[in-house]
Amino acid sequence: MLNNIFENIKINKQDEQFFELLKSDNIRVEKIVSNGQSSPKDFWYEQDENEFVVLLMGEAILEFEDKEYSLKEGDYLNIPKKIRHRVKYTSKNEPTIWLAIFY
């Protein structure tokens, strides 16, 4: 079945939106839509899975304990499991669309 990654994009300044695109025993693919959201102060993700993330639209800053990355459209990162990270910033005037692959 043909689908489009940019379908169902809605502006929601209150909550990020998560769309599960694919899931199997070893991999999960999500589309995440942010509209100015960021991680709460002093909150860190420290996941049990590796995460490969691609920024498809917008801008974002991912913060790690010892550095941060400013991402623009087309940028991607591989985040190994158990590495503490947080979303410091996402675009406030347009949706930020992420493709996240958890493995």
C-alpha atoms as a PDB file:
ATOM      1  CA  MET A   1       0.000   0.000   0.000  1.00  0.00           C
ATOM      2  CA  LEU A   2       1.382   3.392  -1.032  1.00  0.00           C
ATOM      3  CA  ASN A   3       1.598   6.082   1.649  1.00  0.00           C
ATOM      4  CA  ASN A   4       3.191   9.527   1.931  1.00  0.00           C
ATOM      5  CA  ILE A   5       5.370  10.534   4.899  1.00  0.00           C
ATOM      6  CA  PHE A   6       3.980  14.094   4.773  1.00  0.00           C
ATOM      7  CA  GLU A   7       0.306  13.083   5.092  1.00  0.00           C
ATOM      8  CA  ASN A   8      -1.613  13.841   8.281  1.00  0.00           C
ATOM      9  CA  ILE A   9       0.688  16.650   9.376  1.00  0.00           C
ATOM     10  CA  LYS A  10      -1.215  18.814  11.829  1.00  0.00           C
ATOM     11  CA  ILE A  11      -0.032  21.782  13.822  1.00  0.00           C
ATOM     12  CA  ASN A  12      -0.327  20.954  17.512  1.00  0.00           C
ATOM     13  CA  LYS A  13       1.591  23.320  19.783  1.00  0.00           C
ATOM     14  CA  GLN A  14       0.609  21.268  22.864  1.00  0.00           C
ATOM     15  CA  ASP A  15       1.789  17.767  21.968  1.00  0.00           C
ATOM     16  CA  GLU A  16       4.199  16.004  19.687  1.00  0.00           C
ATOM     17  CA  GLN A  17       2.582  13.474  17.377  1.00  0.00           C
ATOM     18  CA  PHE A  18       3.929   9.936  16.948  1.00  0.00           C
ATOM     19  CA  PHE A  19       2.976   7.715  13.998  1.00  0.00           C
ATOM     20  CA  GLU A  20       4.154   4.111  13.940  1.00  0.00           C
ATOM     21  CA  LEU A  21       4.959   3.307  10.307  1.00  0.00           C
ATOM     22  CA  LEU A  22       6.464  -0.158  10.690  1.00  0.00           C
ATOM     23  CA  LYS A  23       7.075  -2.585  13.520  1.00  0.00           C
ATOM     24  CA  SER A  24       8.616  -6.041  13.711  1.00  0.00           C
ATOM     25  CA  ASP A  25      10.522  -8.003  16.348  1.00  0.00           C
ATOM     26  CA  ASN A  26      13.802  -6.173  15.645  1.00  0.00           C
ATOM     27  CA  ILE A  27      12.870  -2.773  14.236  1.00  0.00           C
ATOM     28  CA  ARG A  28      10.367   0.029  14.730  1.00  0.00           C
ATOM     29  CA  VAL A  29       9.949   3.016  12.396  1.00  0.00           C
ATOM     30  CA  GLU A  30       8.157   6.157  13.536  1.00  0.00           C
ATOM     31  CA  LYS A  31       7.302   9.526  12.063  1.00  0.00           C
ATOM     32  CA  ILE A  32       7.432  12.177  14.771  1.00  0.00           C
ATOM     33  CA  VAL A  33       5.950  15.646  14.269  1.00  0.00           C
ATOM     34  CA  SER A  34       7.113  18.388  16.635  1.00  0.00           C
ATOM     35  CA  ASN A  35       5.762  21.936  16.709  1.00  0.00           C
ATOM     36  CA  GLY A  36       8.097  23.790  19.038  1.00  0.00           C
ATOM     37  CA  GLN A  37       8.246  21.015  21.628  1.00  0.00           C
ATOM     38  CA  SER A  38      11.424  20.166  23.486  1.00  0.00           C
ATOM     39  CA  SER A  39      12.364  17.819  26.301  1.00  0.00           C
ATOM     40  CA  PRO A  40      11.446  19.013  29.798  1.00  0.00           C
ATOM     41  CA  LYS A  41      14.202  20.643  31.827  1.00  0.00           C
ATOM     42  CA  ASP A  42      16.542  18.018  33.324  1.00  0.00           C
ATOM     43  CA  PHE A  43      14.853  15.193  31.331  1.00  0.00           C
ATOM     44  CA  TRP A  44      17.077  12.789  29.394  1.00  0.00           C
ATOM     45  CA  TYR A  45      16.208   9.907  27.087  1.00  0.00           C
ATOM     46  CA  GLU A  46      18.293   6.832  27.873  1.00  0.00           C
ATOM     47  CA  GLN A  47      16.756   4.159  25.669  1.00  0.00           C
ATOM     48  CA  ASP A  48      17.226   0.403  25.531  1.00  0.00           C
ATOM     49  CA  GLU A  49      17.344   0.547  21.702  1.00  0.00           C
ATOM     50  CA  ASN A  50      19.628   2.168  19.156  1.00  0.00           C
ATOM     51  CA  GLU A  51      17.950   5.032  17.309  1.00  0.00           C
ATOM     52  CA  PHE A  52      18.726   6.278  13.815  1.00  0.00           C
ATOM     53  CA  VAL A  53      17.004   9.636  13.270  1.00  0.00           C
ATOM     54  CA  VAL A  54      16.647  11.714  10.080  1.00  0.00           C
ATOM     55  CA  LEU A  55      15.299  15.257  10.089  1.00  0.00           C
ATOM     56  CA  LEU A  56      12.961  15.512   7.099  1.00  0.00           C
ATOM     57  CA  MET A  57      11.577  19.017   7.665  1.00  0.00           C
ATOM     58  CA  GLY A  58      12.247  21.918  10.011  1.00  0.00           C
ATOM     59  CA  GLU A  59      15.109  22.454  12.412  1.00  0.00           C
ATOM     60  CA  ALA A  60      16.098  20.931  15.736  1.00  0.00           C
ATOM     61  CA  ILE A  61      18.852  20.775  18.309  1.00  0.00           C
ATOM     62  CA  LEU A  62      19.687  17.445  19.948  1.00  0.00           C
ATOM     63  CA  GLU A  63      21.675  17.740  23.144  1.00  0.00           C
ATOM     64  CA  PHE A  64      23.965  15.076  24.574  1.00  0.00           C
ATOM     65  CA  GLU A  65      25.835  15.247  27.873  1.00  0.00           C
ATOM     66  CA  ASP A  66      29.036  16.487  26.224  1.00  0.00           C
ATOM     67  CA  LYS A  67      27.851  18.183  22.987  1.00  0.00           C
ATOM     68  CA  GLU A  68      24.896  19.272  20.931  1.00  0.00           C
ATOM     69  CA  TYR A  69      23.977  19.026  17.266  1.00  0.00           C
ATOM     70  CA  SER A  70      21.987  21.564  15.259  1.00  0.00           C
ATOM     71  CA  LEU A  71      20.031  19.614  12.670  1.00  0.00           C
ATOM     72  CA  LYS A  72      18.549  20.927   9.452  1.00  0.00           C
ATOM     73  CA  GLU A  73      16.586  19.140   6.753  1.00  0.00           C
ATOM     74  CA  GLY A  74      18.406  16.017   5.583  1.00  0.00           C
ATOM     75  CA  ASP A  75      20.699  15.694   8.612  1.00  0.00           C
ATOM     76  CA  TYR A  76      20.796  12.372  10.433  1.00  0.00           C
ATOM     77  CA  LEU A  77      22.351  10.822  13.524  1.00  0.00           C
ATOM     78  CA  ASN A  78      22.746   7.352  14.933  1.00  0.00           C
ATOM     79  CA  ILE A  79      22.195   7.348  18.681  1.00  0.00           C
ATOM     80  CA  PRO A  80      23.516   4.198  20.387  1.00  0.00           C
ATOM     81  CA  LYS A  81      21.368   2.684  23.116  1.00  0.00           C
ATOM     82  CA  LYS A  82      21.895   3.967  26.663  1.00  0.00           C
ATOM     83  CA  ILE A  83      23.362   7.283  25.428  1.00  0.00           C
ATOM     84  CA  ARG A  84      21.701  10.140  27.299  1.00  0.00           C
ATOM     85  CA  HIS A  85      20.179  12.716  24.980  1.00  0.00           C
ATOM     86  CA  ARG A  86      17.353  15.229  24.822  1.00  0.00           C
ATOM     87  CA  VAL A  87      15.561  17.476  22.355  1.00  0.00           C
ATOM     88  CA  LYS A  88      16.686  21.010  23.166  1.00  0.00           C
ATOM     89  CA  TYR A  89      14.773  22.799  20.374  1.00  0.00           C
ATOM     90  CA  THR A  90      12.387  22.242  17.454  1.00  0.00           C
ATOM     91  CA  SER A  91      11.098  24.820  14.955  1.00  0.00           C
ATOM     92  CA  LYS A  92       8.347  26.999  16.361  1.00  0.00           C
ATOM     93  CA  ASN A  93       6.970  28.389  13.072  1.00  0.00           C
ATOM     94  CA  GLU A  94       6.769  25.181  11.050  1.00  0.00           C
ATOM     95  CA  PRO A  95       6.464  21.474  11.803  1.00  0.00           C
ATOM     96  CA  THR A  96       9.653  19.566  12.507  1.00  0.00           C
ATOM     97  CA  ILE A  97       9.293  16.099  10.991  1.00  0.00           C
ATOM     98  CA  TRP A  98      11.542  13.283  12.147  1.00  0.00           C
ATOM     99  CA  LEU A  99      11.937   9.757  10.820  1.00  0.00           C
ATOM    100  CA  ALA A 100      13.122   7.591  13.719  1.00  0.00           C
ATOM    101  CA  ILE A 101      14.290   3.999  13.288  1.00  0.00           C
ATOM    102  CA  PHE A 102      14.662   2.054  16.512  1.00  0.00           C
ATOM    103  CA  TYR A 103      16.673  -1.188  16.341  1.00  0.00           C
END
